[in-house]
Amino acid sequence: MDENLNRAIIASLLAGEEILKIYNKDFNIEYKDDKSPLTDADLTSNQIIMDALKQTSIPIISEENKQISYAIRQKWNQCWIVDPIDGTKEFIKRNGEFTVNIALVEKGVARLGIIYVPVSKELYYTNSTKTRAYKTIVSTIDKPFETLLFKEEDLILPNIIKEPKIKVVGSRSHMSKDTLNFVEGLKQDGKVVEIVSKGSSLKFCLVAEGKADVYPRFAPTMEWDTAAGQAICEAVGLNVIDQVTQKPMLYNRENLLNNYFLVTK
């Protein structure tokens, strides 16, 4: 495990511990200019991750930081892309379906990905060469957690068995009209469709570990919503295709708003 991956995993676990402390008590909810919710946990998690990652001297793009102009960002060879809590709406609902997302991007490509689920203690992560991905239960970080990682039994793989039905990942909080049209198109092609609902970046994880077959995201997302999930999916051989360019999604773009995308084999 290289140092960047190690530091990012530690950051996600530390942030997850503090998030749970807030999750299990009353917390404040504010609303940003775009009407999206913001809680104490978002800010606490962000600060923990910033403190951990700034030691790498690699610049950071985070949902909760003031965004840096592209005139500066376009000169970056590497950057971290962070969502301190992906799925704040799920956090507020207390349904457990929220995550900490950290990705390392190099020349626009997501090279490492970590998604941590604080409530279930599930840690999804790539290896340092993005050729494998794993899901490990990390119940404590008091002892050397590194001994828990990269075990063969924790490898995740997408579903390669062609079943009569196709499992389509949908959002827990919002299914767009375009996504519903995509599903209807599958049905018209003779497919039996099962919708698998999930919040946050866990939708990527469902496809990566074979619990769903395809994830159409035909609604707005930002780079911090998707970079870690894309790295994990690509590590297991999946494609995350920008529906405008018809190529793999790239990061640290001038506009941090993603186009529609499709996760599939």
C-alpha atoms as a PDB file:
ATOM      1  CA  MET A   1       0.000   0.000   0.000  1.00  0.00           C
ATOM      2  CA  ASP A   2       1.520   3.289  -1.024  1.00  0.00           C
ATOM      3  CA  GLU A   3       1.611   6.285   1.269  1.00  0.00           C
ATOM      4  CA  ASN A   4      -1.136   8.235  -0.503  1.00  0.00           C
ATOM      5  CA  LEU A   5      -3.560   5.334  -0.326  1.00  0.00           C
ATOM      6  CA  ASN A   6      -2.681   4.716   3.307  1.00  0.00           C
ATOM      7  CA  ARG A   7      -3.211   8.344   4.255  1.00  0.00           C
ATOM      8  CA  ALA A   8      -6.520   8.553   2.413  1.00  0.00           C
ATOM      9  CA  ILE A   9      -7.856   5.412   4.090  1.00  0.00           C
ATOM     10  CA  ILE A  10      -6.847   6.693   7.523  1.00  0.00           C
ATOM     11  CA  ALA A  11      -8.503  10.040   6.765  1.00  0.00           C
ATOM     12  CA  SER A  12     -11.768   8.345   5.782  1.00  0.00           C
ATOM     13  CA  LEU A  13     -11.821   6.193   8.912  1.00  0.00           C
ATOM     14  CA  LEU A  14     -11.041   9.093  11.260  1.00  0.00           C
ATOM     15  CA  ALA A  15     -13.709  11.212   9.602  1.00  0.00           C
ATOM     16  CA  GLY A  16     -16.178   8.341   9.883  1.00  0.00           C
ATOM     17  CA  GLU A  17     -15.635   8.079  13.638  1.00  0.00           C
ATOM     18  CA  GLU A  18     -16.405  11.753  14.169  1.00  0.00           C
ATOM     19  CA  ILE A  19     -19.369  11.661  11.801  1.00  0.00           C
ATOM     20  CA  LEU A  20     -20.960   8.897  13.873  1.00  0.00           C
ATOM     21  CA  LYS A  21     -20.597  10.906  17.077  1.00  0.00           C
ATOM     22  CA  ILE A  22     -22.689  13.653  15.490  1.00  0.00           C
ATOM     23  CA  TYR A  23     -25.046  11.194  13.765  1.00  0.00           C
ATOM     24  CA  ASN A  24     -26.011   9.688  17.112  1.00  0.00           C
ATOM     25  CA  LYS A  25     -27.100  12.962  18.678  1.00  0.00           C
ATOM     26  CA  ASP A  26     -29.050  16.064  17.701  1.00  0.00           C
ATOM     27  CA  PHE A  27     -27.269  18.113  15.034  1.00  0.00           C
ATOM     28  CA  ASN A  28     -27.706  21.423  13.257  1.00  0.00           C
ATOM     29  CA  ILE A  29     -28.903  21.583   9.655  1.00  0.00           C
ATOM     30  CA  GLU A  30     -28.248  24.595   7.437  1.00  0.00           C
ATOM     31  CA  TYR A  31     -28.921  25.091   3.738  1.00  0.00           C
ATOM     32  CA  LYS A  32     -26.459  26.278   1.132  1.00  0.00           C
ATOM     33  CA  ASP A  33     -27.256  28.648  -1.716  1.00  0.00           C
ATOM     34  CA  ASP A  34     -28.236  25.712  -3.927  1.00  0.00           C
ATOM     35  CA  LYS A  35     -30.698  24.536  -1.223  1.00  0.00           C
ATOM     36  CA  SER A  36     -28.629  21.430  -0.450  1.00  0.00           C
ATOM     37  CA  PRO A  37     -28.339  20.598   3.263  1.00  0.00           C
ATOM     38  CA  LEU A  38     -25.211  21.106   5.341  1.00  0.00           C
ATOM     39  CA  THR A  39     -24.661  19.664   8.821  1.00  0.00           C
ATOM     40  CA  ASP A  40     -22.056  19.877  11.557  1.00  0.00           C
ATOM     41  CA  ALA A  41     -20.861  16.458  10.405  1.00  0.00           C
ATOM     42  CA  ASP A  42     -20.060  17.686   6.878  1.00  0.00           C
ATOM     43  CA  LEU A  43     -17.829  20.421   8.259  1.00  0.00           C
ATOM     44  CA  THR A  44     -16.173  18.239  10.897  1.00  0.00           C
ATOM     45  CA  SER A  45     -15.447  15.496   8.392  1.00  0.00           C
ATOM     46  CA  ASN A  46     -14.063  18.004   5.915  1.00  0.00           C
ATOM     47  CA  GLN A  47     -11.637  19.458   8.453  1.00  0.00           C
ATOM     48  CA  ILE A  48     -10.338  16.026   9.479  1.00  0.00           C
ATOM     49  CA  ILE A  49      -9.738  15.020   5.869  1.00  0.00           C
ATOM     50  CA  MET A  50      -8.130  18.343   4.977  1.00  0.00           C
ATOM     51  CA  ASP A  51      -5.725  18.045   7.919  1.00  0.00           C
ATOM     52  CA  ALA A  52      -4.776  14.509   6.895  1.00  0.00           C
ATOM     53  CA  LEU A  53      -4.358  15.087   3.166  1.00  0.00           C
ATOM     54  CA  LYS A  54      -2.567  18.421   3.243  1.00  0.00           C
ATOM     55  CA  GLN A  55       0.484  16.533   4.505  1.00  0.00           C
ATOM     56  CA  THR A  56       0.782  15.016   1.018  1.00  0.00           C
ATOM     57  CA  SER A  57       1.291  18.475  -0.533  1.00  0.00           C
ATOM     58  CA  ILE A  58      -1.229  17.465  -3.219  1.00  0.00           C
ATOM     59  CA  PRO A  59      -3.955  20.108  -3.748  1.00  0.00           C
ATOM     60  CA  ILE A  60      -7.508  19.280  -2.734  1.00  0.00           C
ATOM     61  CA  ILE A  61     -10.924  19.808  -4.288  1.00  0.00           C
ATOM     62  CA  SER A  62     -13.671  19.311  -1.705  1.00  0.00           C
ATOM     63  CA  GLU A  63     -17.385  19.996  -1.754  1.00  0.00           C
ATOM     64  CA  GLU A  64     -17.062  21.991   1.451  1.00  0.00           C
ATOM     65  CA  ASN A  65     -14.062  24.113   0.414  1.00  0.00           C
ATOM     66  CA  LYS A  66     -14.169  27.354  -1.505  1.00  0.00           C
ATOM     67  CA  GLN A  67     -13.614  26.349  -5.097  1.00  0.00           C
ATOM     68  CA  ILE A  68     -10.311  27.334  -6.688  1.00  0.00           C
ATOM     69  CA  SER A  69     -10.351  28.933 -10.135  1.00  0.00           C
ATOM     70  CA  TYR A  70      -9.606  26.767 -13.140  1.00  0.00           C
ATOM     71  CA  ALA A  71      -6.768  29.092 -14.102  1.00  0.00           C
ATOM     72  CA  ILE A  72      -4.933  27.633 -11.110  1.00  0.00           C
ATOM     73  CA  ARG A  73      -6.369  24.108 -11.149  1.00  0.00           C
ATOM     74  CA  GLN A  74      -5.522  23.404 -14.778  1.00  0.00           C
ATOM     75  CA  LYS A  75      -1.828  23.460 -13.859  1.00  0.00           C
ATOM     76  CA  TRP A  76      -2.257  20.653 -11.339  1.00  0.00           C
ATOM     77  CA  ASN A  77      -0.832  17.264 -12.314  1.00  0.00           C
ATOM     78  CA  GLN A  78      -2.500  15.602  -9.322  1.00  0.00           C
ATOM     79  CA  CYS A  79      -5.283  16.487  -6.923  1.00  0.00           C
ATOM     80  CA  TRP A  80      -7.455  14.929  -4.267  1.00  0.00           C
ATOM     81  CA  ILE A  81     -11.214  15.040  -4.820  1.00  0.00           C
ATOM     82  CA  VAL A  82     -13.198  14.749  -1.596  1.00  0.00           C
ATOM     83  CA  ASP A  83     -16.792  14.551  -0.473  1.00  0.00           C
ATOM     84  CA  PRO A  84     -16.723  14.656   3.359  1.00  0.00           C
ATOM     85  CA  ILE A  85     -20.260  13.259   3.462  1.00  0.00           C
ATOM     86  CA  ASP A  86     -21.836  12.026   0.276  1.00  0.00           C
ATOM     87  CA  GLY A  87     -25.533  11.628   0.913  1.00  0.00           C
ATOM     88  CA  THR A  88     -26.202  14.339   3.475  1.00  0.00           C
ATOM     89  CA  LYS A  89     -29.930  13.809   2.873  1.00  0.00           C
ATOM     90  CA  GLU A  90     -29.484  10.167   3.882  1.00  0.00           C
ATOM     91  CA  PHE A  91     -27.497  11.290   6.932  1.00  0.00           C
ATOM     92  CA  ILE A  92     -30.365  13.558   7.971  1.00  0.00           C
ATOM     93  CA  LYS A  93     -32.868  10.726   7.436  1.00  0.00           C
ATOM     94  CA  ARG A  94     -30.600   8.497   9.558  1.00  0.00           C
ATOM     95  CA  ASN A  95     -30.886   5.573   7.135  1.00  0.00           C
ATOM     96  CA  GLY A  96     -27.138   4.866   7.149  1.00  0.00           C
ATOM     97  CA  GLU A  97     -26.696   5.252   3.387  1.00  0.00           C
ATOM     98  CA  PHE A  98     -24.079   7.983   3.420  1.00  0.00           C
ATOM     99  CA  THR A  99     -20.367   7.754   2.730  1.00  0.00           C
ATOM    100  CA  VAL A 100     -16.997   9.454   2.887  1.00  0.00           C
ATOM    101  CA  ASN A 101     -15.487   9.708  -0.612  1.00  0.00           C
ATOM    102  CA  ILE A 102     -11.795  10.315  -1.339  1.00  0.00           C
ATOM    103  CA  ALA A 103     -10.146   9.960  -4.746  1.00  0.00           C
ATOM    104  CA  LEU A 104      -6.707  10.761  -6.070  1.00  0.00           C
ATOM    105  CA  VAL A 105      -6.783  12.141  -9.601  1.00  0.00           C
ATOM    106  CA  GLU A 106      -3.811  12.305 -11.946  1.00  0.00           C
ATOM    107  CA  LYS A 107      -4.044  14.126 -15.295  1.00  0.00           C
ATOM    108  CA  GLY A 108      -7.819  13.929 -15.112  1.00  0.00           C
ATOM    109  CA  VAL A 109      -7.987  10.197 -14.353  1.00  0.00           C
ATOM    110  CA  ALA A 110      -9.198   8.833 -11.003  1.00  0.00           C
ATOM    111  CA  ARG A 111      -6.226   6.688  -9.893  1.00  0.00           C
ATOM    112  CA  LEU A 112      -7.250   5.716  -6.343  1.00  0.00           C
ATOM    113  CA  GLY A 113     -10.653   5.510  -4.726  1.00  0.00           C
ATOM    114  CA  ILE A 114     -11.887   5.118  -1.165  1.00  0.00           C
ATOM    115  CA  ILE A 115     -15.528   4.982  -0.095  1.00  0.00           C
ATOM    116  CA  TYR A 116     -16.204   4.483   3.609  1.00  0.00           C
ATOM    117  CA  VAL A 117     -19.636   3.780   5.111  1.00  0.00           C
ATOM    118  CA  PRO A 118     -19.456   4.901   8.758  1.00  0.00           C
ATOM    119  CA  VAL A 119     -22.630   3.178   9.969  1.00  0.00           C
ATOM    120  CA  SER A 120     -21.825  -0.287   8.578  1.00  0.00           C
ATOM    121  CA  LYS A 121     -18.008   0.118   8.844  1.00  0.00           C
ATOM    122  CA  GLU A 122     -17.696  -1.027   5.208  1.00  0.00           C
ATOM    123  CA  LEU A 123     -14.579   0.258   3.488  1.00  0.00           C
ATOM    124  CA  TYR A 124     -14.478   0.045  -0.307  1.00  0.00           C
ATOM    125  CA  TYR A 125     -11.065   0.780  -1.802  1.00  0.00           C
ATOM    126  CA  THR A 126      -8.773   0.166  -4.745  1.00  0.00           C
ATOM    127  CA  ASN A 127      -5.235  -1.069  -4.574  1.00  0.00           C
ATOM    128  CA  SER A 128      -2.476   1.407  -5.434  1.00  0.00           C
ATOM    129  CA  THR A 129      -2.406   0.384  -9.110  1.00  0.00           C
ATOM    130  CA  LYS A 130      -6.204   0.398  -9.569  1.00  0.00           C
ATOM    131  CA  THR A 131      -6.214  -3.201 -10.734  1.00  0.00           C
ATOM    132  CA  ARG A 132      -8.279  -4.591  -7.852  1.00  0.00           C
ATOM    133  CA  ALA A 133     -10.943  -3.382  -5.448  1.00  0.00           C
ATOM    134  CA  TYR A 134     -11.972  -4.623  -2.040  1.00  0.00           C
ATOM    135  CA  LYS A 135     -14.661  -4.327   0.624  1.00  0.00           C
ATOM    136  CA  THR A 136     -13.409  -4.717   4.177  1.00  0.00           C
ATOM    137  CA  ILE A 137     -15.229  -4.285   7.469  1.00  0.00           C
ATOM    138  CA  VAL A 138     -13.050  -2.026   9.619  1.00  0.00           C
ATOM    139  CA  SER A 139     -14.601  -2.071  13.064  1.00  0.00           C
ATOM    140  CA  THR A 140     -11.777  -0.195  14.808  1.00  0.00           C
ATOM    141  CA  ILE A 141      -8.689   1.797  13.940  1.00  0.00           C
ATOM    142  CA  ASP A 142      -7.190   1.481  17.408  1.00  0.00           C
ATOM    143  CA  LYS A 143      -5.089  -1.470  16.275  1.00  0.00           C
ATOM    144  CA  PRO A 144      -3.081  -1.619  13.028  1.00  0.00           C
ATOM    145  CA  PHE A 145      -5.960  -1.744  10.553  1.00  0.00           C
ATOM    146  CA  GLU A 146      -3.530  -2.350   7.686  1.00  0.00           C
ATOM    147  CA  THR A 147      -3.501  -6.044   8.672  1.00  0.00           C
ATOM    148  CA  LEU A 148      -7.184  -6.217   7.723  1.00  0.00           C
ATOM    149  CA  LEU A 149      -6.752  -4.924   4.193  1.00  0.00           C
ATOM    150  CA  PHE A 150      -6.146  -6.514   0.777  1.00  0.00           C
ATOM    151  CA  LYS A 151      -7.376  -9.974   1.741  1.00  0.00           C
ATOM    152  CA  GLU A 152      -8.395 -12.257  -1.104  1.00  0.00           C
ATOM    153  CA  GLU A 153     -11.765 -12.939   0.524  1.00  0.00           C
ATOM    154  CA  ASP A 154     -12.501  -9.202   0.448  1.00  0.00           C
ATOM    155  CA  LEU A 155     -12.041  -8.843  -3.320  1.00  0.00           C
ATOM    156  CA  ILE A 156     -15.117  -7.518  -5.079  1.00  0.00           C
ATOM    157  CA  LEU A 157     -16.119  -8.301  -8.651  1.00  0.00           C
ATOM    158  CA  PRO A 158     -19.039  -7.294 -10.867  1.00  0.00           C
ATOM    159  CA  ASN A 159     -21.763  -9.717 -11.865  1.00  0.00           C
ATOM    160  CA  ILE A 160     -20.731 -11.694 -14.955  1.00  0.00           C
ATOM    161  CA  ILE A 161     -23.630 -14.144 -14.941  1.00  0.00           C
ATOM    162  CA  LYS A 162     -26.342 -13.240 -17.424  1.00  0.00           C
ATOM    163  CA  GLU A 163     -29.556 -13.527 -15.451  1.00  0.00           C
ATOM    164  CA  PRO A 164     -33.105 -13.221 -16.785  1.00  0.00           C
ATOM    165  CA  LYS A 165     -33.466  -9.803 -15.173  1.00  0.00           C
ATOM    166  CA  ILE A 166     -31.222  -6.754 -15.202  1.00  0.00           C
ATOM    167  CA  LYS A 167     -30.737  -4.957 -11.916  1.00  0.00           C
ATOM    168  CA  VAL A 168     -30.650  -1.190 -12.366  1.00  0.00           C
ATOM    169  CA  VAL A 169     -29.371   1.055  -9.600  1.00  0.00           C
ATOM    170  CA  GLY A 170     -31.602   3.987  -8.777  1.00  0.00           C
ATOM    171  CA  SER A 171     -31.275   6.840  -6.342  1.00  0.00           C
ATOM    172  CA  ARG A 172     -32.782   6.521  -2.881  1.00  0.00           C
ATOM    173  CA  SER A 173     -33.776  10.193  -2.840  1.00  0.00           C
ATOM    174  CA  HIS A 174     -34.389  11.134  -6.472  1.00  0.00           C
ATOM    175  CA  MET A 175     -35.094   9.264  -9.722  1.00  0.00           C
ATOM    176  CA  SER A 176     -35.031  11.635 -12.695  1.00  0.00           C
ATOM    177  CA  LYS A 177     -37.370  11.451 -15.663  1.00  0.00           C
ATOM    178  CA  ASP A 178     -34.416  10.627 -17.936  1.00  0.00           C
ATOM    179  CA  THR A 179     -33.486   7.690 -15.687  1.00  0.00           C
ATOM    180  CA  LEU A 180     -37.047   6.428 -15.766  1.00  0.00           C
ATOM    181  CA  ASN A 181     -36.981   6.725 -19.574  1.00  0.00           C
ATOM    182  CA  PHE A 182     -33.769   4.652 -19.635  1.00  0.00           C
ATOM    183  CA  VAL A 183     -35.465   1.947 -17.591  1.00  0.00           C
ATOM    184  CA  GLU A 184     -38.495   2.011 -19.871  1.00  0.00           C
ATOM    185  CA  GLY A 185     -36.175   1.588 -22.863  1.00  0.00           C
ATOM    186  CA  LEU A 186     -34.717  -1.564 -21.339  1.00  0.00           C
ATOM    187  CA  LYS A 187     -38.205  -2.940 -20.839  1.00  0.00           C
ATOM    188  CA  GLN A 188     -39.126  -2.173 -24.442  1.00  0.00           C
ATOM    189  CA  ASP A 189     -36.034  -4.135 -25.476  1.00  0.00           C
ATOM    190  CA  GLY A 190     -37.518  -7.144 -23.719  1.00  0.00           C
ATOM    191  CA  LYS A 191     -35.509  -6.924 -20.508  1.00  0.00           C
ATOM    192  CA  VAL A 192     -36.985  -7.755 -17.124  1.00  0.00           C
ATOM    193  CA  VAL A 193     -35.882  -4.869 -14.901  1.00  0.00           C
ATOM    194  CA  GLU A 194     -35.433  -4.775 -11.154  1.00  0.00           C
ATOM    195  CA  ILE A 195     -34.730  -1.411  -9.533  1.00  0.00           C
ATOM    196  CA  VAL A 196     -32.187  -1.497  -6.714  1.00  0.00           C
ATOM    197  CA  SER A 197     -32.416   1.701  -4.670  1.00  0.00           C
ATOM    198  CA  LYS A 198     -29.486   3.112  -2.762  1.00  0.00           C
ATOM    199  CA  GLY A 199     -28.225   6.458  -1.544  1.00  0.00           C
ATOM    200  CA  SER A 200     -24.902   8.225  -2.120  1.00  0.00           C
ATOM    201  CA  SER A 201     -21.870   6.697  -3.847  1.00  0.00           C
ATOM    202  CA  LEU A 202     -22.997   3.273  -2.641  1.00  0.00           C
ATOM    203  CA  LYS A 203     -24.677   3.020  -6.037  1.00  0.00           C
ATOM    204  CA  PHE A 204     -21.243   2.597  -7.638  1.00  0.00           C
ATOM    205  CA  CYS A 205     -20.370  -0.023  -5.039  1.00  0.00           C
ATOM    206  CA  LEU A 206     -23.464  -2.091  -5.796  1.00  0.00           C
ATOM    207  CA  VAL A 207     -22.378  -2.519  -9.406  1.00  0.00           C
ATOM    208  CA  ALA A 208     -18.719  -3.042  -8.486  1.00  0.00           C
ATOM    209  CA  GLU A 209     -19.566  -5.907  -6.114  1.00  0.00           C
ATOM    210  CA  GLY A 210     -22.089  -7.560  -8.413  1.00  0.00           C
ATOM    211  CA  LYS A 211     -25.266  -6.654  -6.550  1.00  0.00           C
ATOM    212  CA  ALA A 212     -26.533  -4.662  -9.535  1.00  0.00           C
ATOM    213  CA  ASP A 213     -25.764  -4.652 -13.259  1.00  0.00           C
ATOM    214  CA  VAL A 214     -25.974  -1.064 -14.424  1.00  0.00           C
ATOM    215  CA  TYR A 215     -26.103   2.407 -12.925  1.00  0.00           C
ATOM    216  CA  PRO A 216     -27.547   5.149 -15.140  1.00  0.00           C
ATOM    217  CA  ARG A 217     -27.054   8.564 -13.587  1.00  0.00           C
ATOM    218  CA  PHE A 218     -29.114  10.893 -15.723  1.00  0.00           C
ATOM    219  CA  ALA A 219     -29.323  13.692 -13.188  1.00  0.00           C
ATOM    220  CA  PRO A 220     -26.847  16.307 -11.913  1.00  0.00           C
ATOM    221  CA  THR A 221     -23.794  15.226  -9.925  1.00  0.00           C
ATOM    222  CA  MET A 222     -20.501  16.894  -9.076  1.00  0.00           C
ATOM    223  CA  GLU A 223     -16.972  15.545  -9.413  1.00  0.00           C
ATOM    224  CA  TRP A 224     -16.736  14.795  -5.677  1.00  0.00           C
ATOM    225  CA  ASP A 225     -19.849  12.614  -5.945  1.00  0.00           C
ATOM    226  CA  THR A 226     -18.284  10.295  -8.506  1.00  0.00           C
ATOM    227  CA  ALA A 227     -14.453  10.253  -8.584  1.00  0.00           C
ATOM    228  CA  ALA A 228     -13.932   7.628  -5.860  1.00  0.00           C
ATOM    229  CA  GLY A 229     -16.752   5.456  -7.170  1.00  0.00           C
ATOM    230  CA  GLN A 230     -15.389   5.592 -10.683  1.00  0.00           C
ATOM    231  CA  ALA A 231     -11.934   4.499  -9.513  1.00  0.00           C
ATOM    232  CA  ILE A 232     -13.438   1.520  -7.680  1.00  0.00           C
ATOM    233  CA  CYS A 233     -15.593   0.524 -10.644  1.00  0.00           C
ATOM    234  CA  GLU A 234     -12.734   0.799 -13.118  1.00  0.00           C
ATOM    235  CA  ALA A 235     -10.526  -1.284 -10.822  1.00  0.00           C
ATOM    236  CA  VAL A 236     -12.926  -4.214 -11.278  1.00  0.00           C
ATOM    237  CA  GLY A 237     -13.234  -3.759 -15.043  1.00  0.00           C
ATOM    238  CA  LEU A 238     -16.369  -1.638 -15.301  1.00  0.00           C
ATOM    239  CA  ASN A 239     -16.805   1.432 -17.471  1.00  0.00           C
ATOM    240  CA  VAL A 240     -18.034   4.824 -16.283  1.00  0.00           C
ATOM    241  CA  ILE A 241     -18.953   6.581 -19.500  1.00  0.00           C
ATOM    242  CA  ASP A 242     -19.756  10.276 -19.930  1.00  0.00           C
ATOM    243  CA  GLN A 243     -22.915  10.368 -22.025  1.00  0.00           C
ATOM    244  CA  VAL A 244     -21.815  13.510 -23.894  1.00  0.00           C
ATOM    245  CA  THR A 245     -18.252  12.525 -24.820  1.00  0.00           C
ATOM    246  CA  GLN A 246     -18.930   8.761 -24.856  1.00  0.00           C
ATOM    247  CA  LYS A 247     -15.581   8.346 -23.116  1.00  0.00           C
ATOM    248  CA  PRO A 248     -14.599   7.640 -19.489  1.00  0.00           C
ATOM    249  CA  MET A 249     -15.333  10.592 -17.233  1.00  0.00           C
ATOM    250  CA  LEU A 250     -12.389  12.870 -16.495  1.00  0.00           C
ATOM    251  CA  TYR A 251     -11.796  15.080 -13.465  1.00  0.00           C
ATOM    252  CA  ASN A 252     -10.517  18.484 -12.407  1.00  0.00           C
ATOM    253  CA  ARG A 253     -12.401  19.945 -15.343  1.00  0.00           C
ATOM    254  CA  GLU A 254     -13.175  23.622 -15.721  1.00  0.00           C
ATOM    255  CA  ASN A 255     -16.800  22.868 -14.878  1.00  0.00           C
ATOM    256  CA  LEU A 256     -16.990  20.538 -11.877  1.00  0.00           C
ATOM    257  CA  LEU A 257     -20.585  19.609 -12.757  1.00  0.00           C
ATOM    258  CA  ASN A 258     -20.678  16.176 -14.388  1.00  0.00           C
ATOM    259  CA  ASN A 259     -22.535  15.247 -17.512  1.00  0.00           C
ATOM    260  CA  TYR A 260     -24.917  12.313 -17.343  1.00  0.00           C
ATOM    261  CA  PHE A 261     -23.035   9.025 -17.114  1.00  0.00           C
ATOM    262  CA  LEU A 262     -23.564   5.282 -17.271  1.00  0.00           C
ATOM    263  CA  VAL A 263     -21.800   2.598 -15.214  1.00  0.00           C
ATOM    264  CA  THR A 264     -21.812  -0.721 -17.029  1.00  0.00           C
ATOM    265  CA  LYS A 265     -19.665  -3.656 -18.142  1.00  0.00           C
END
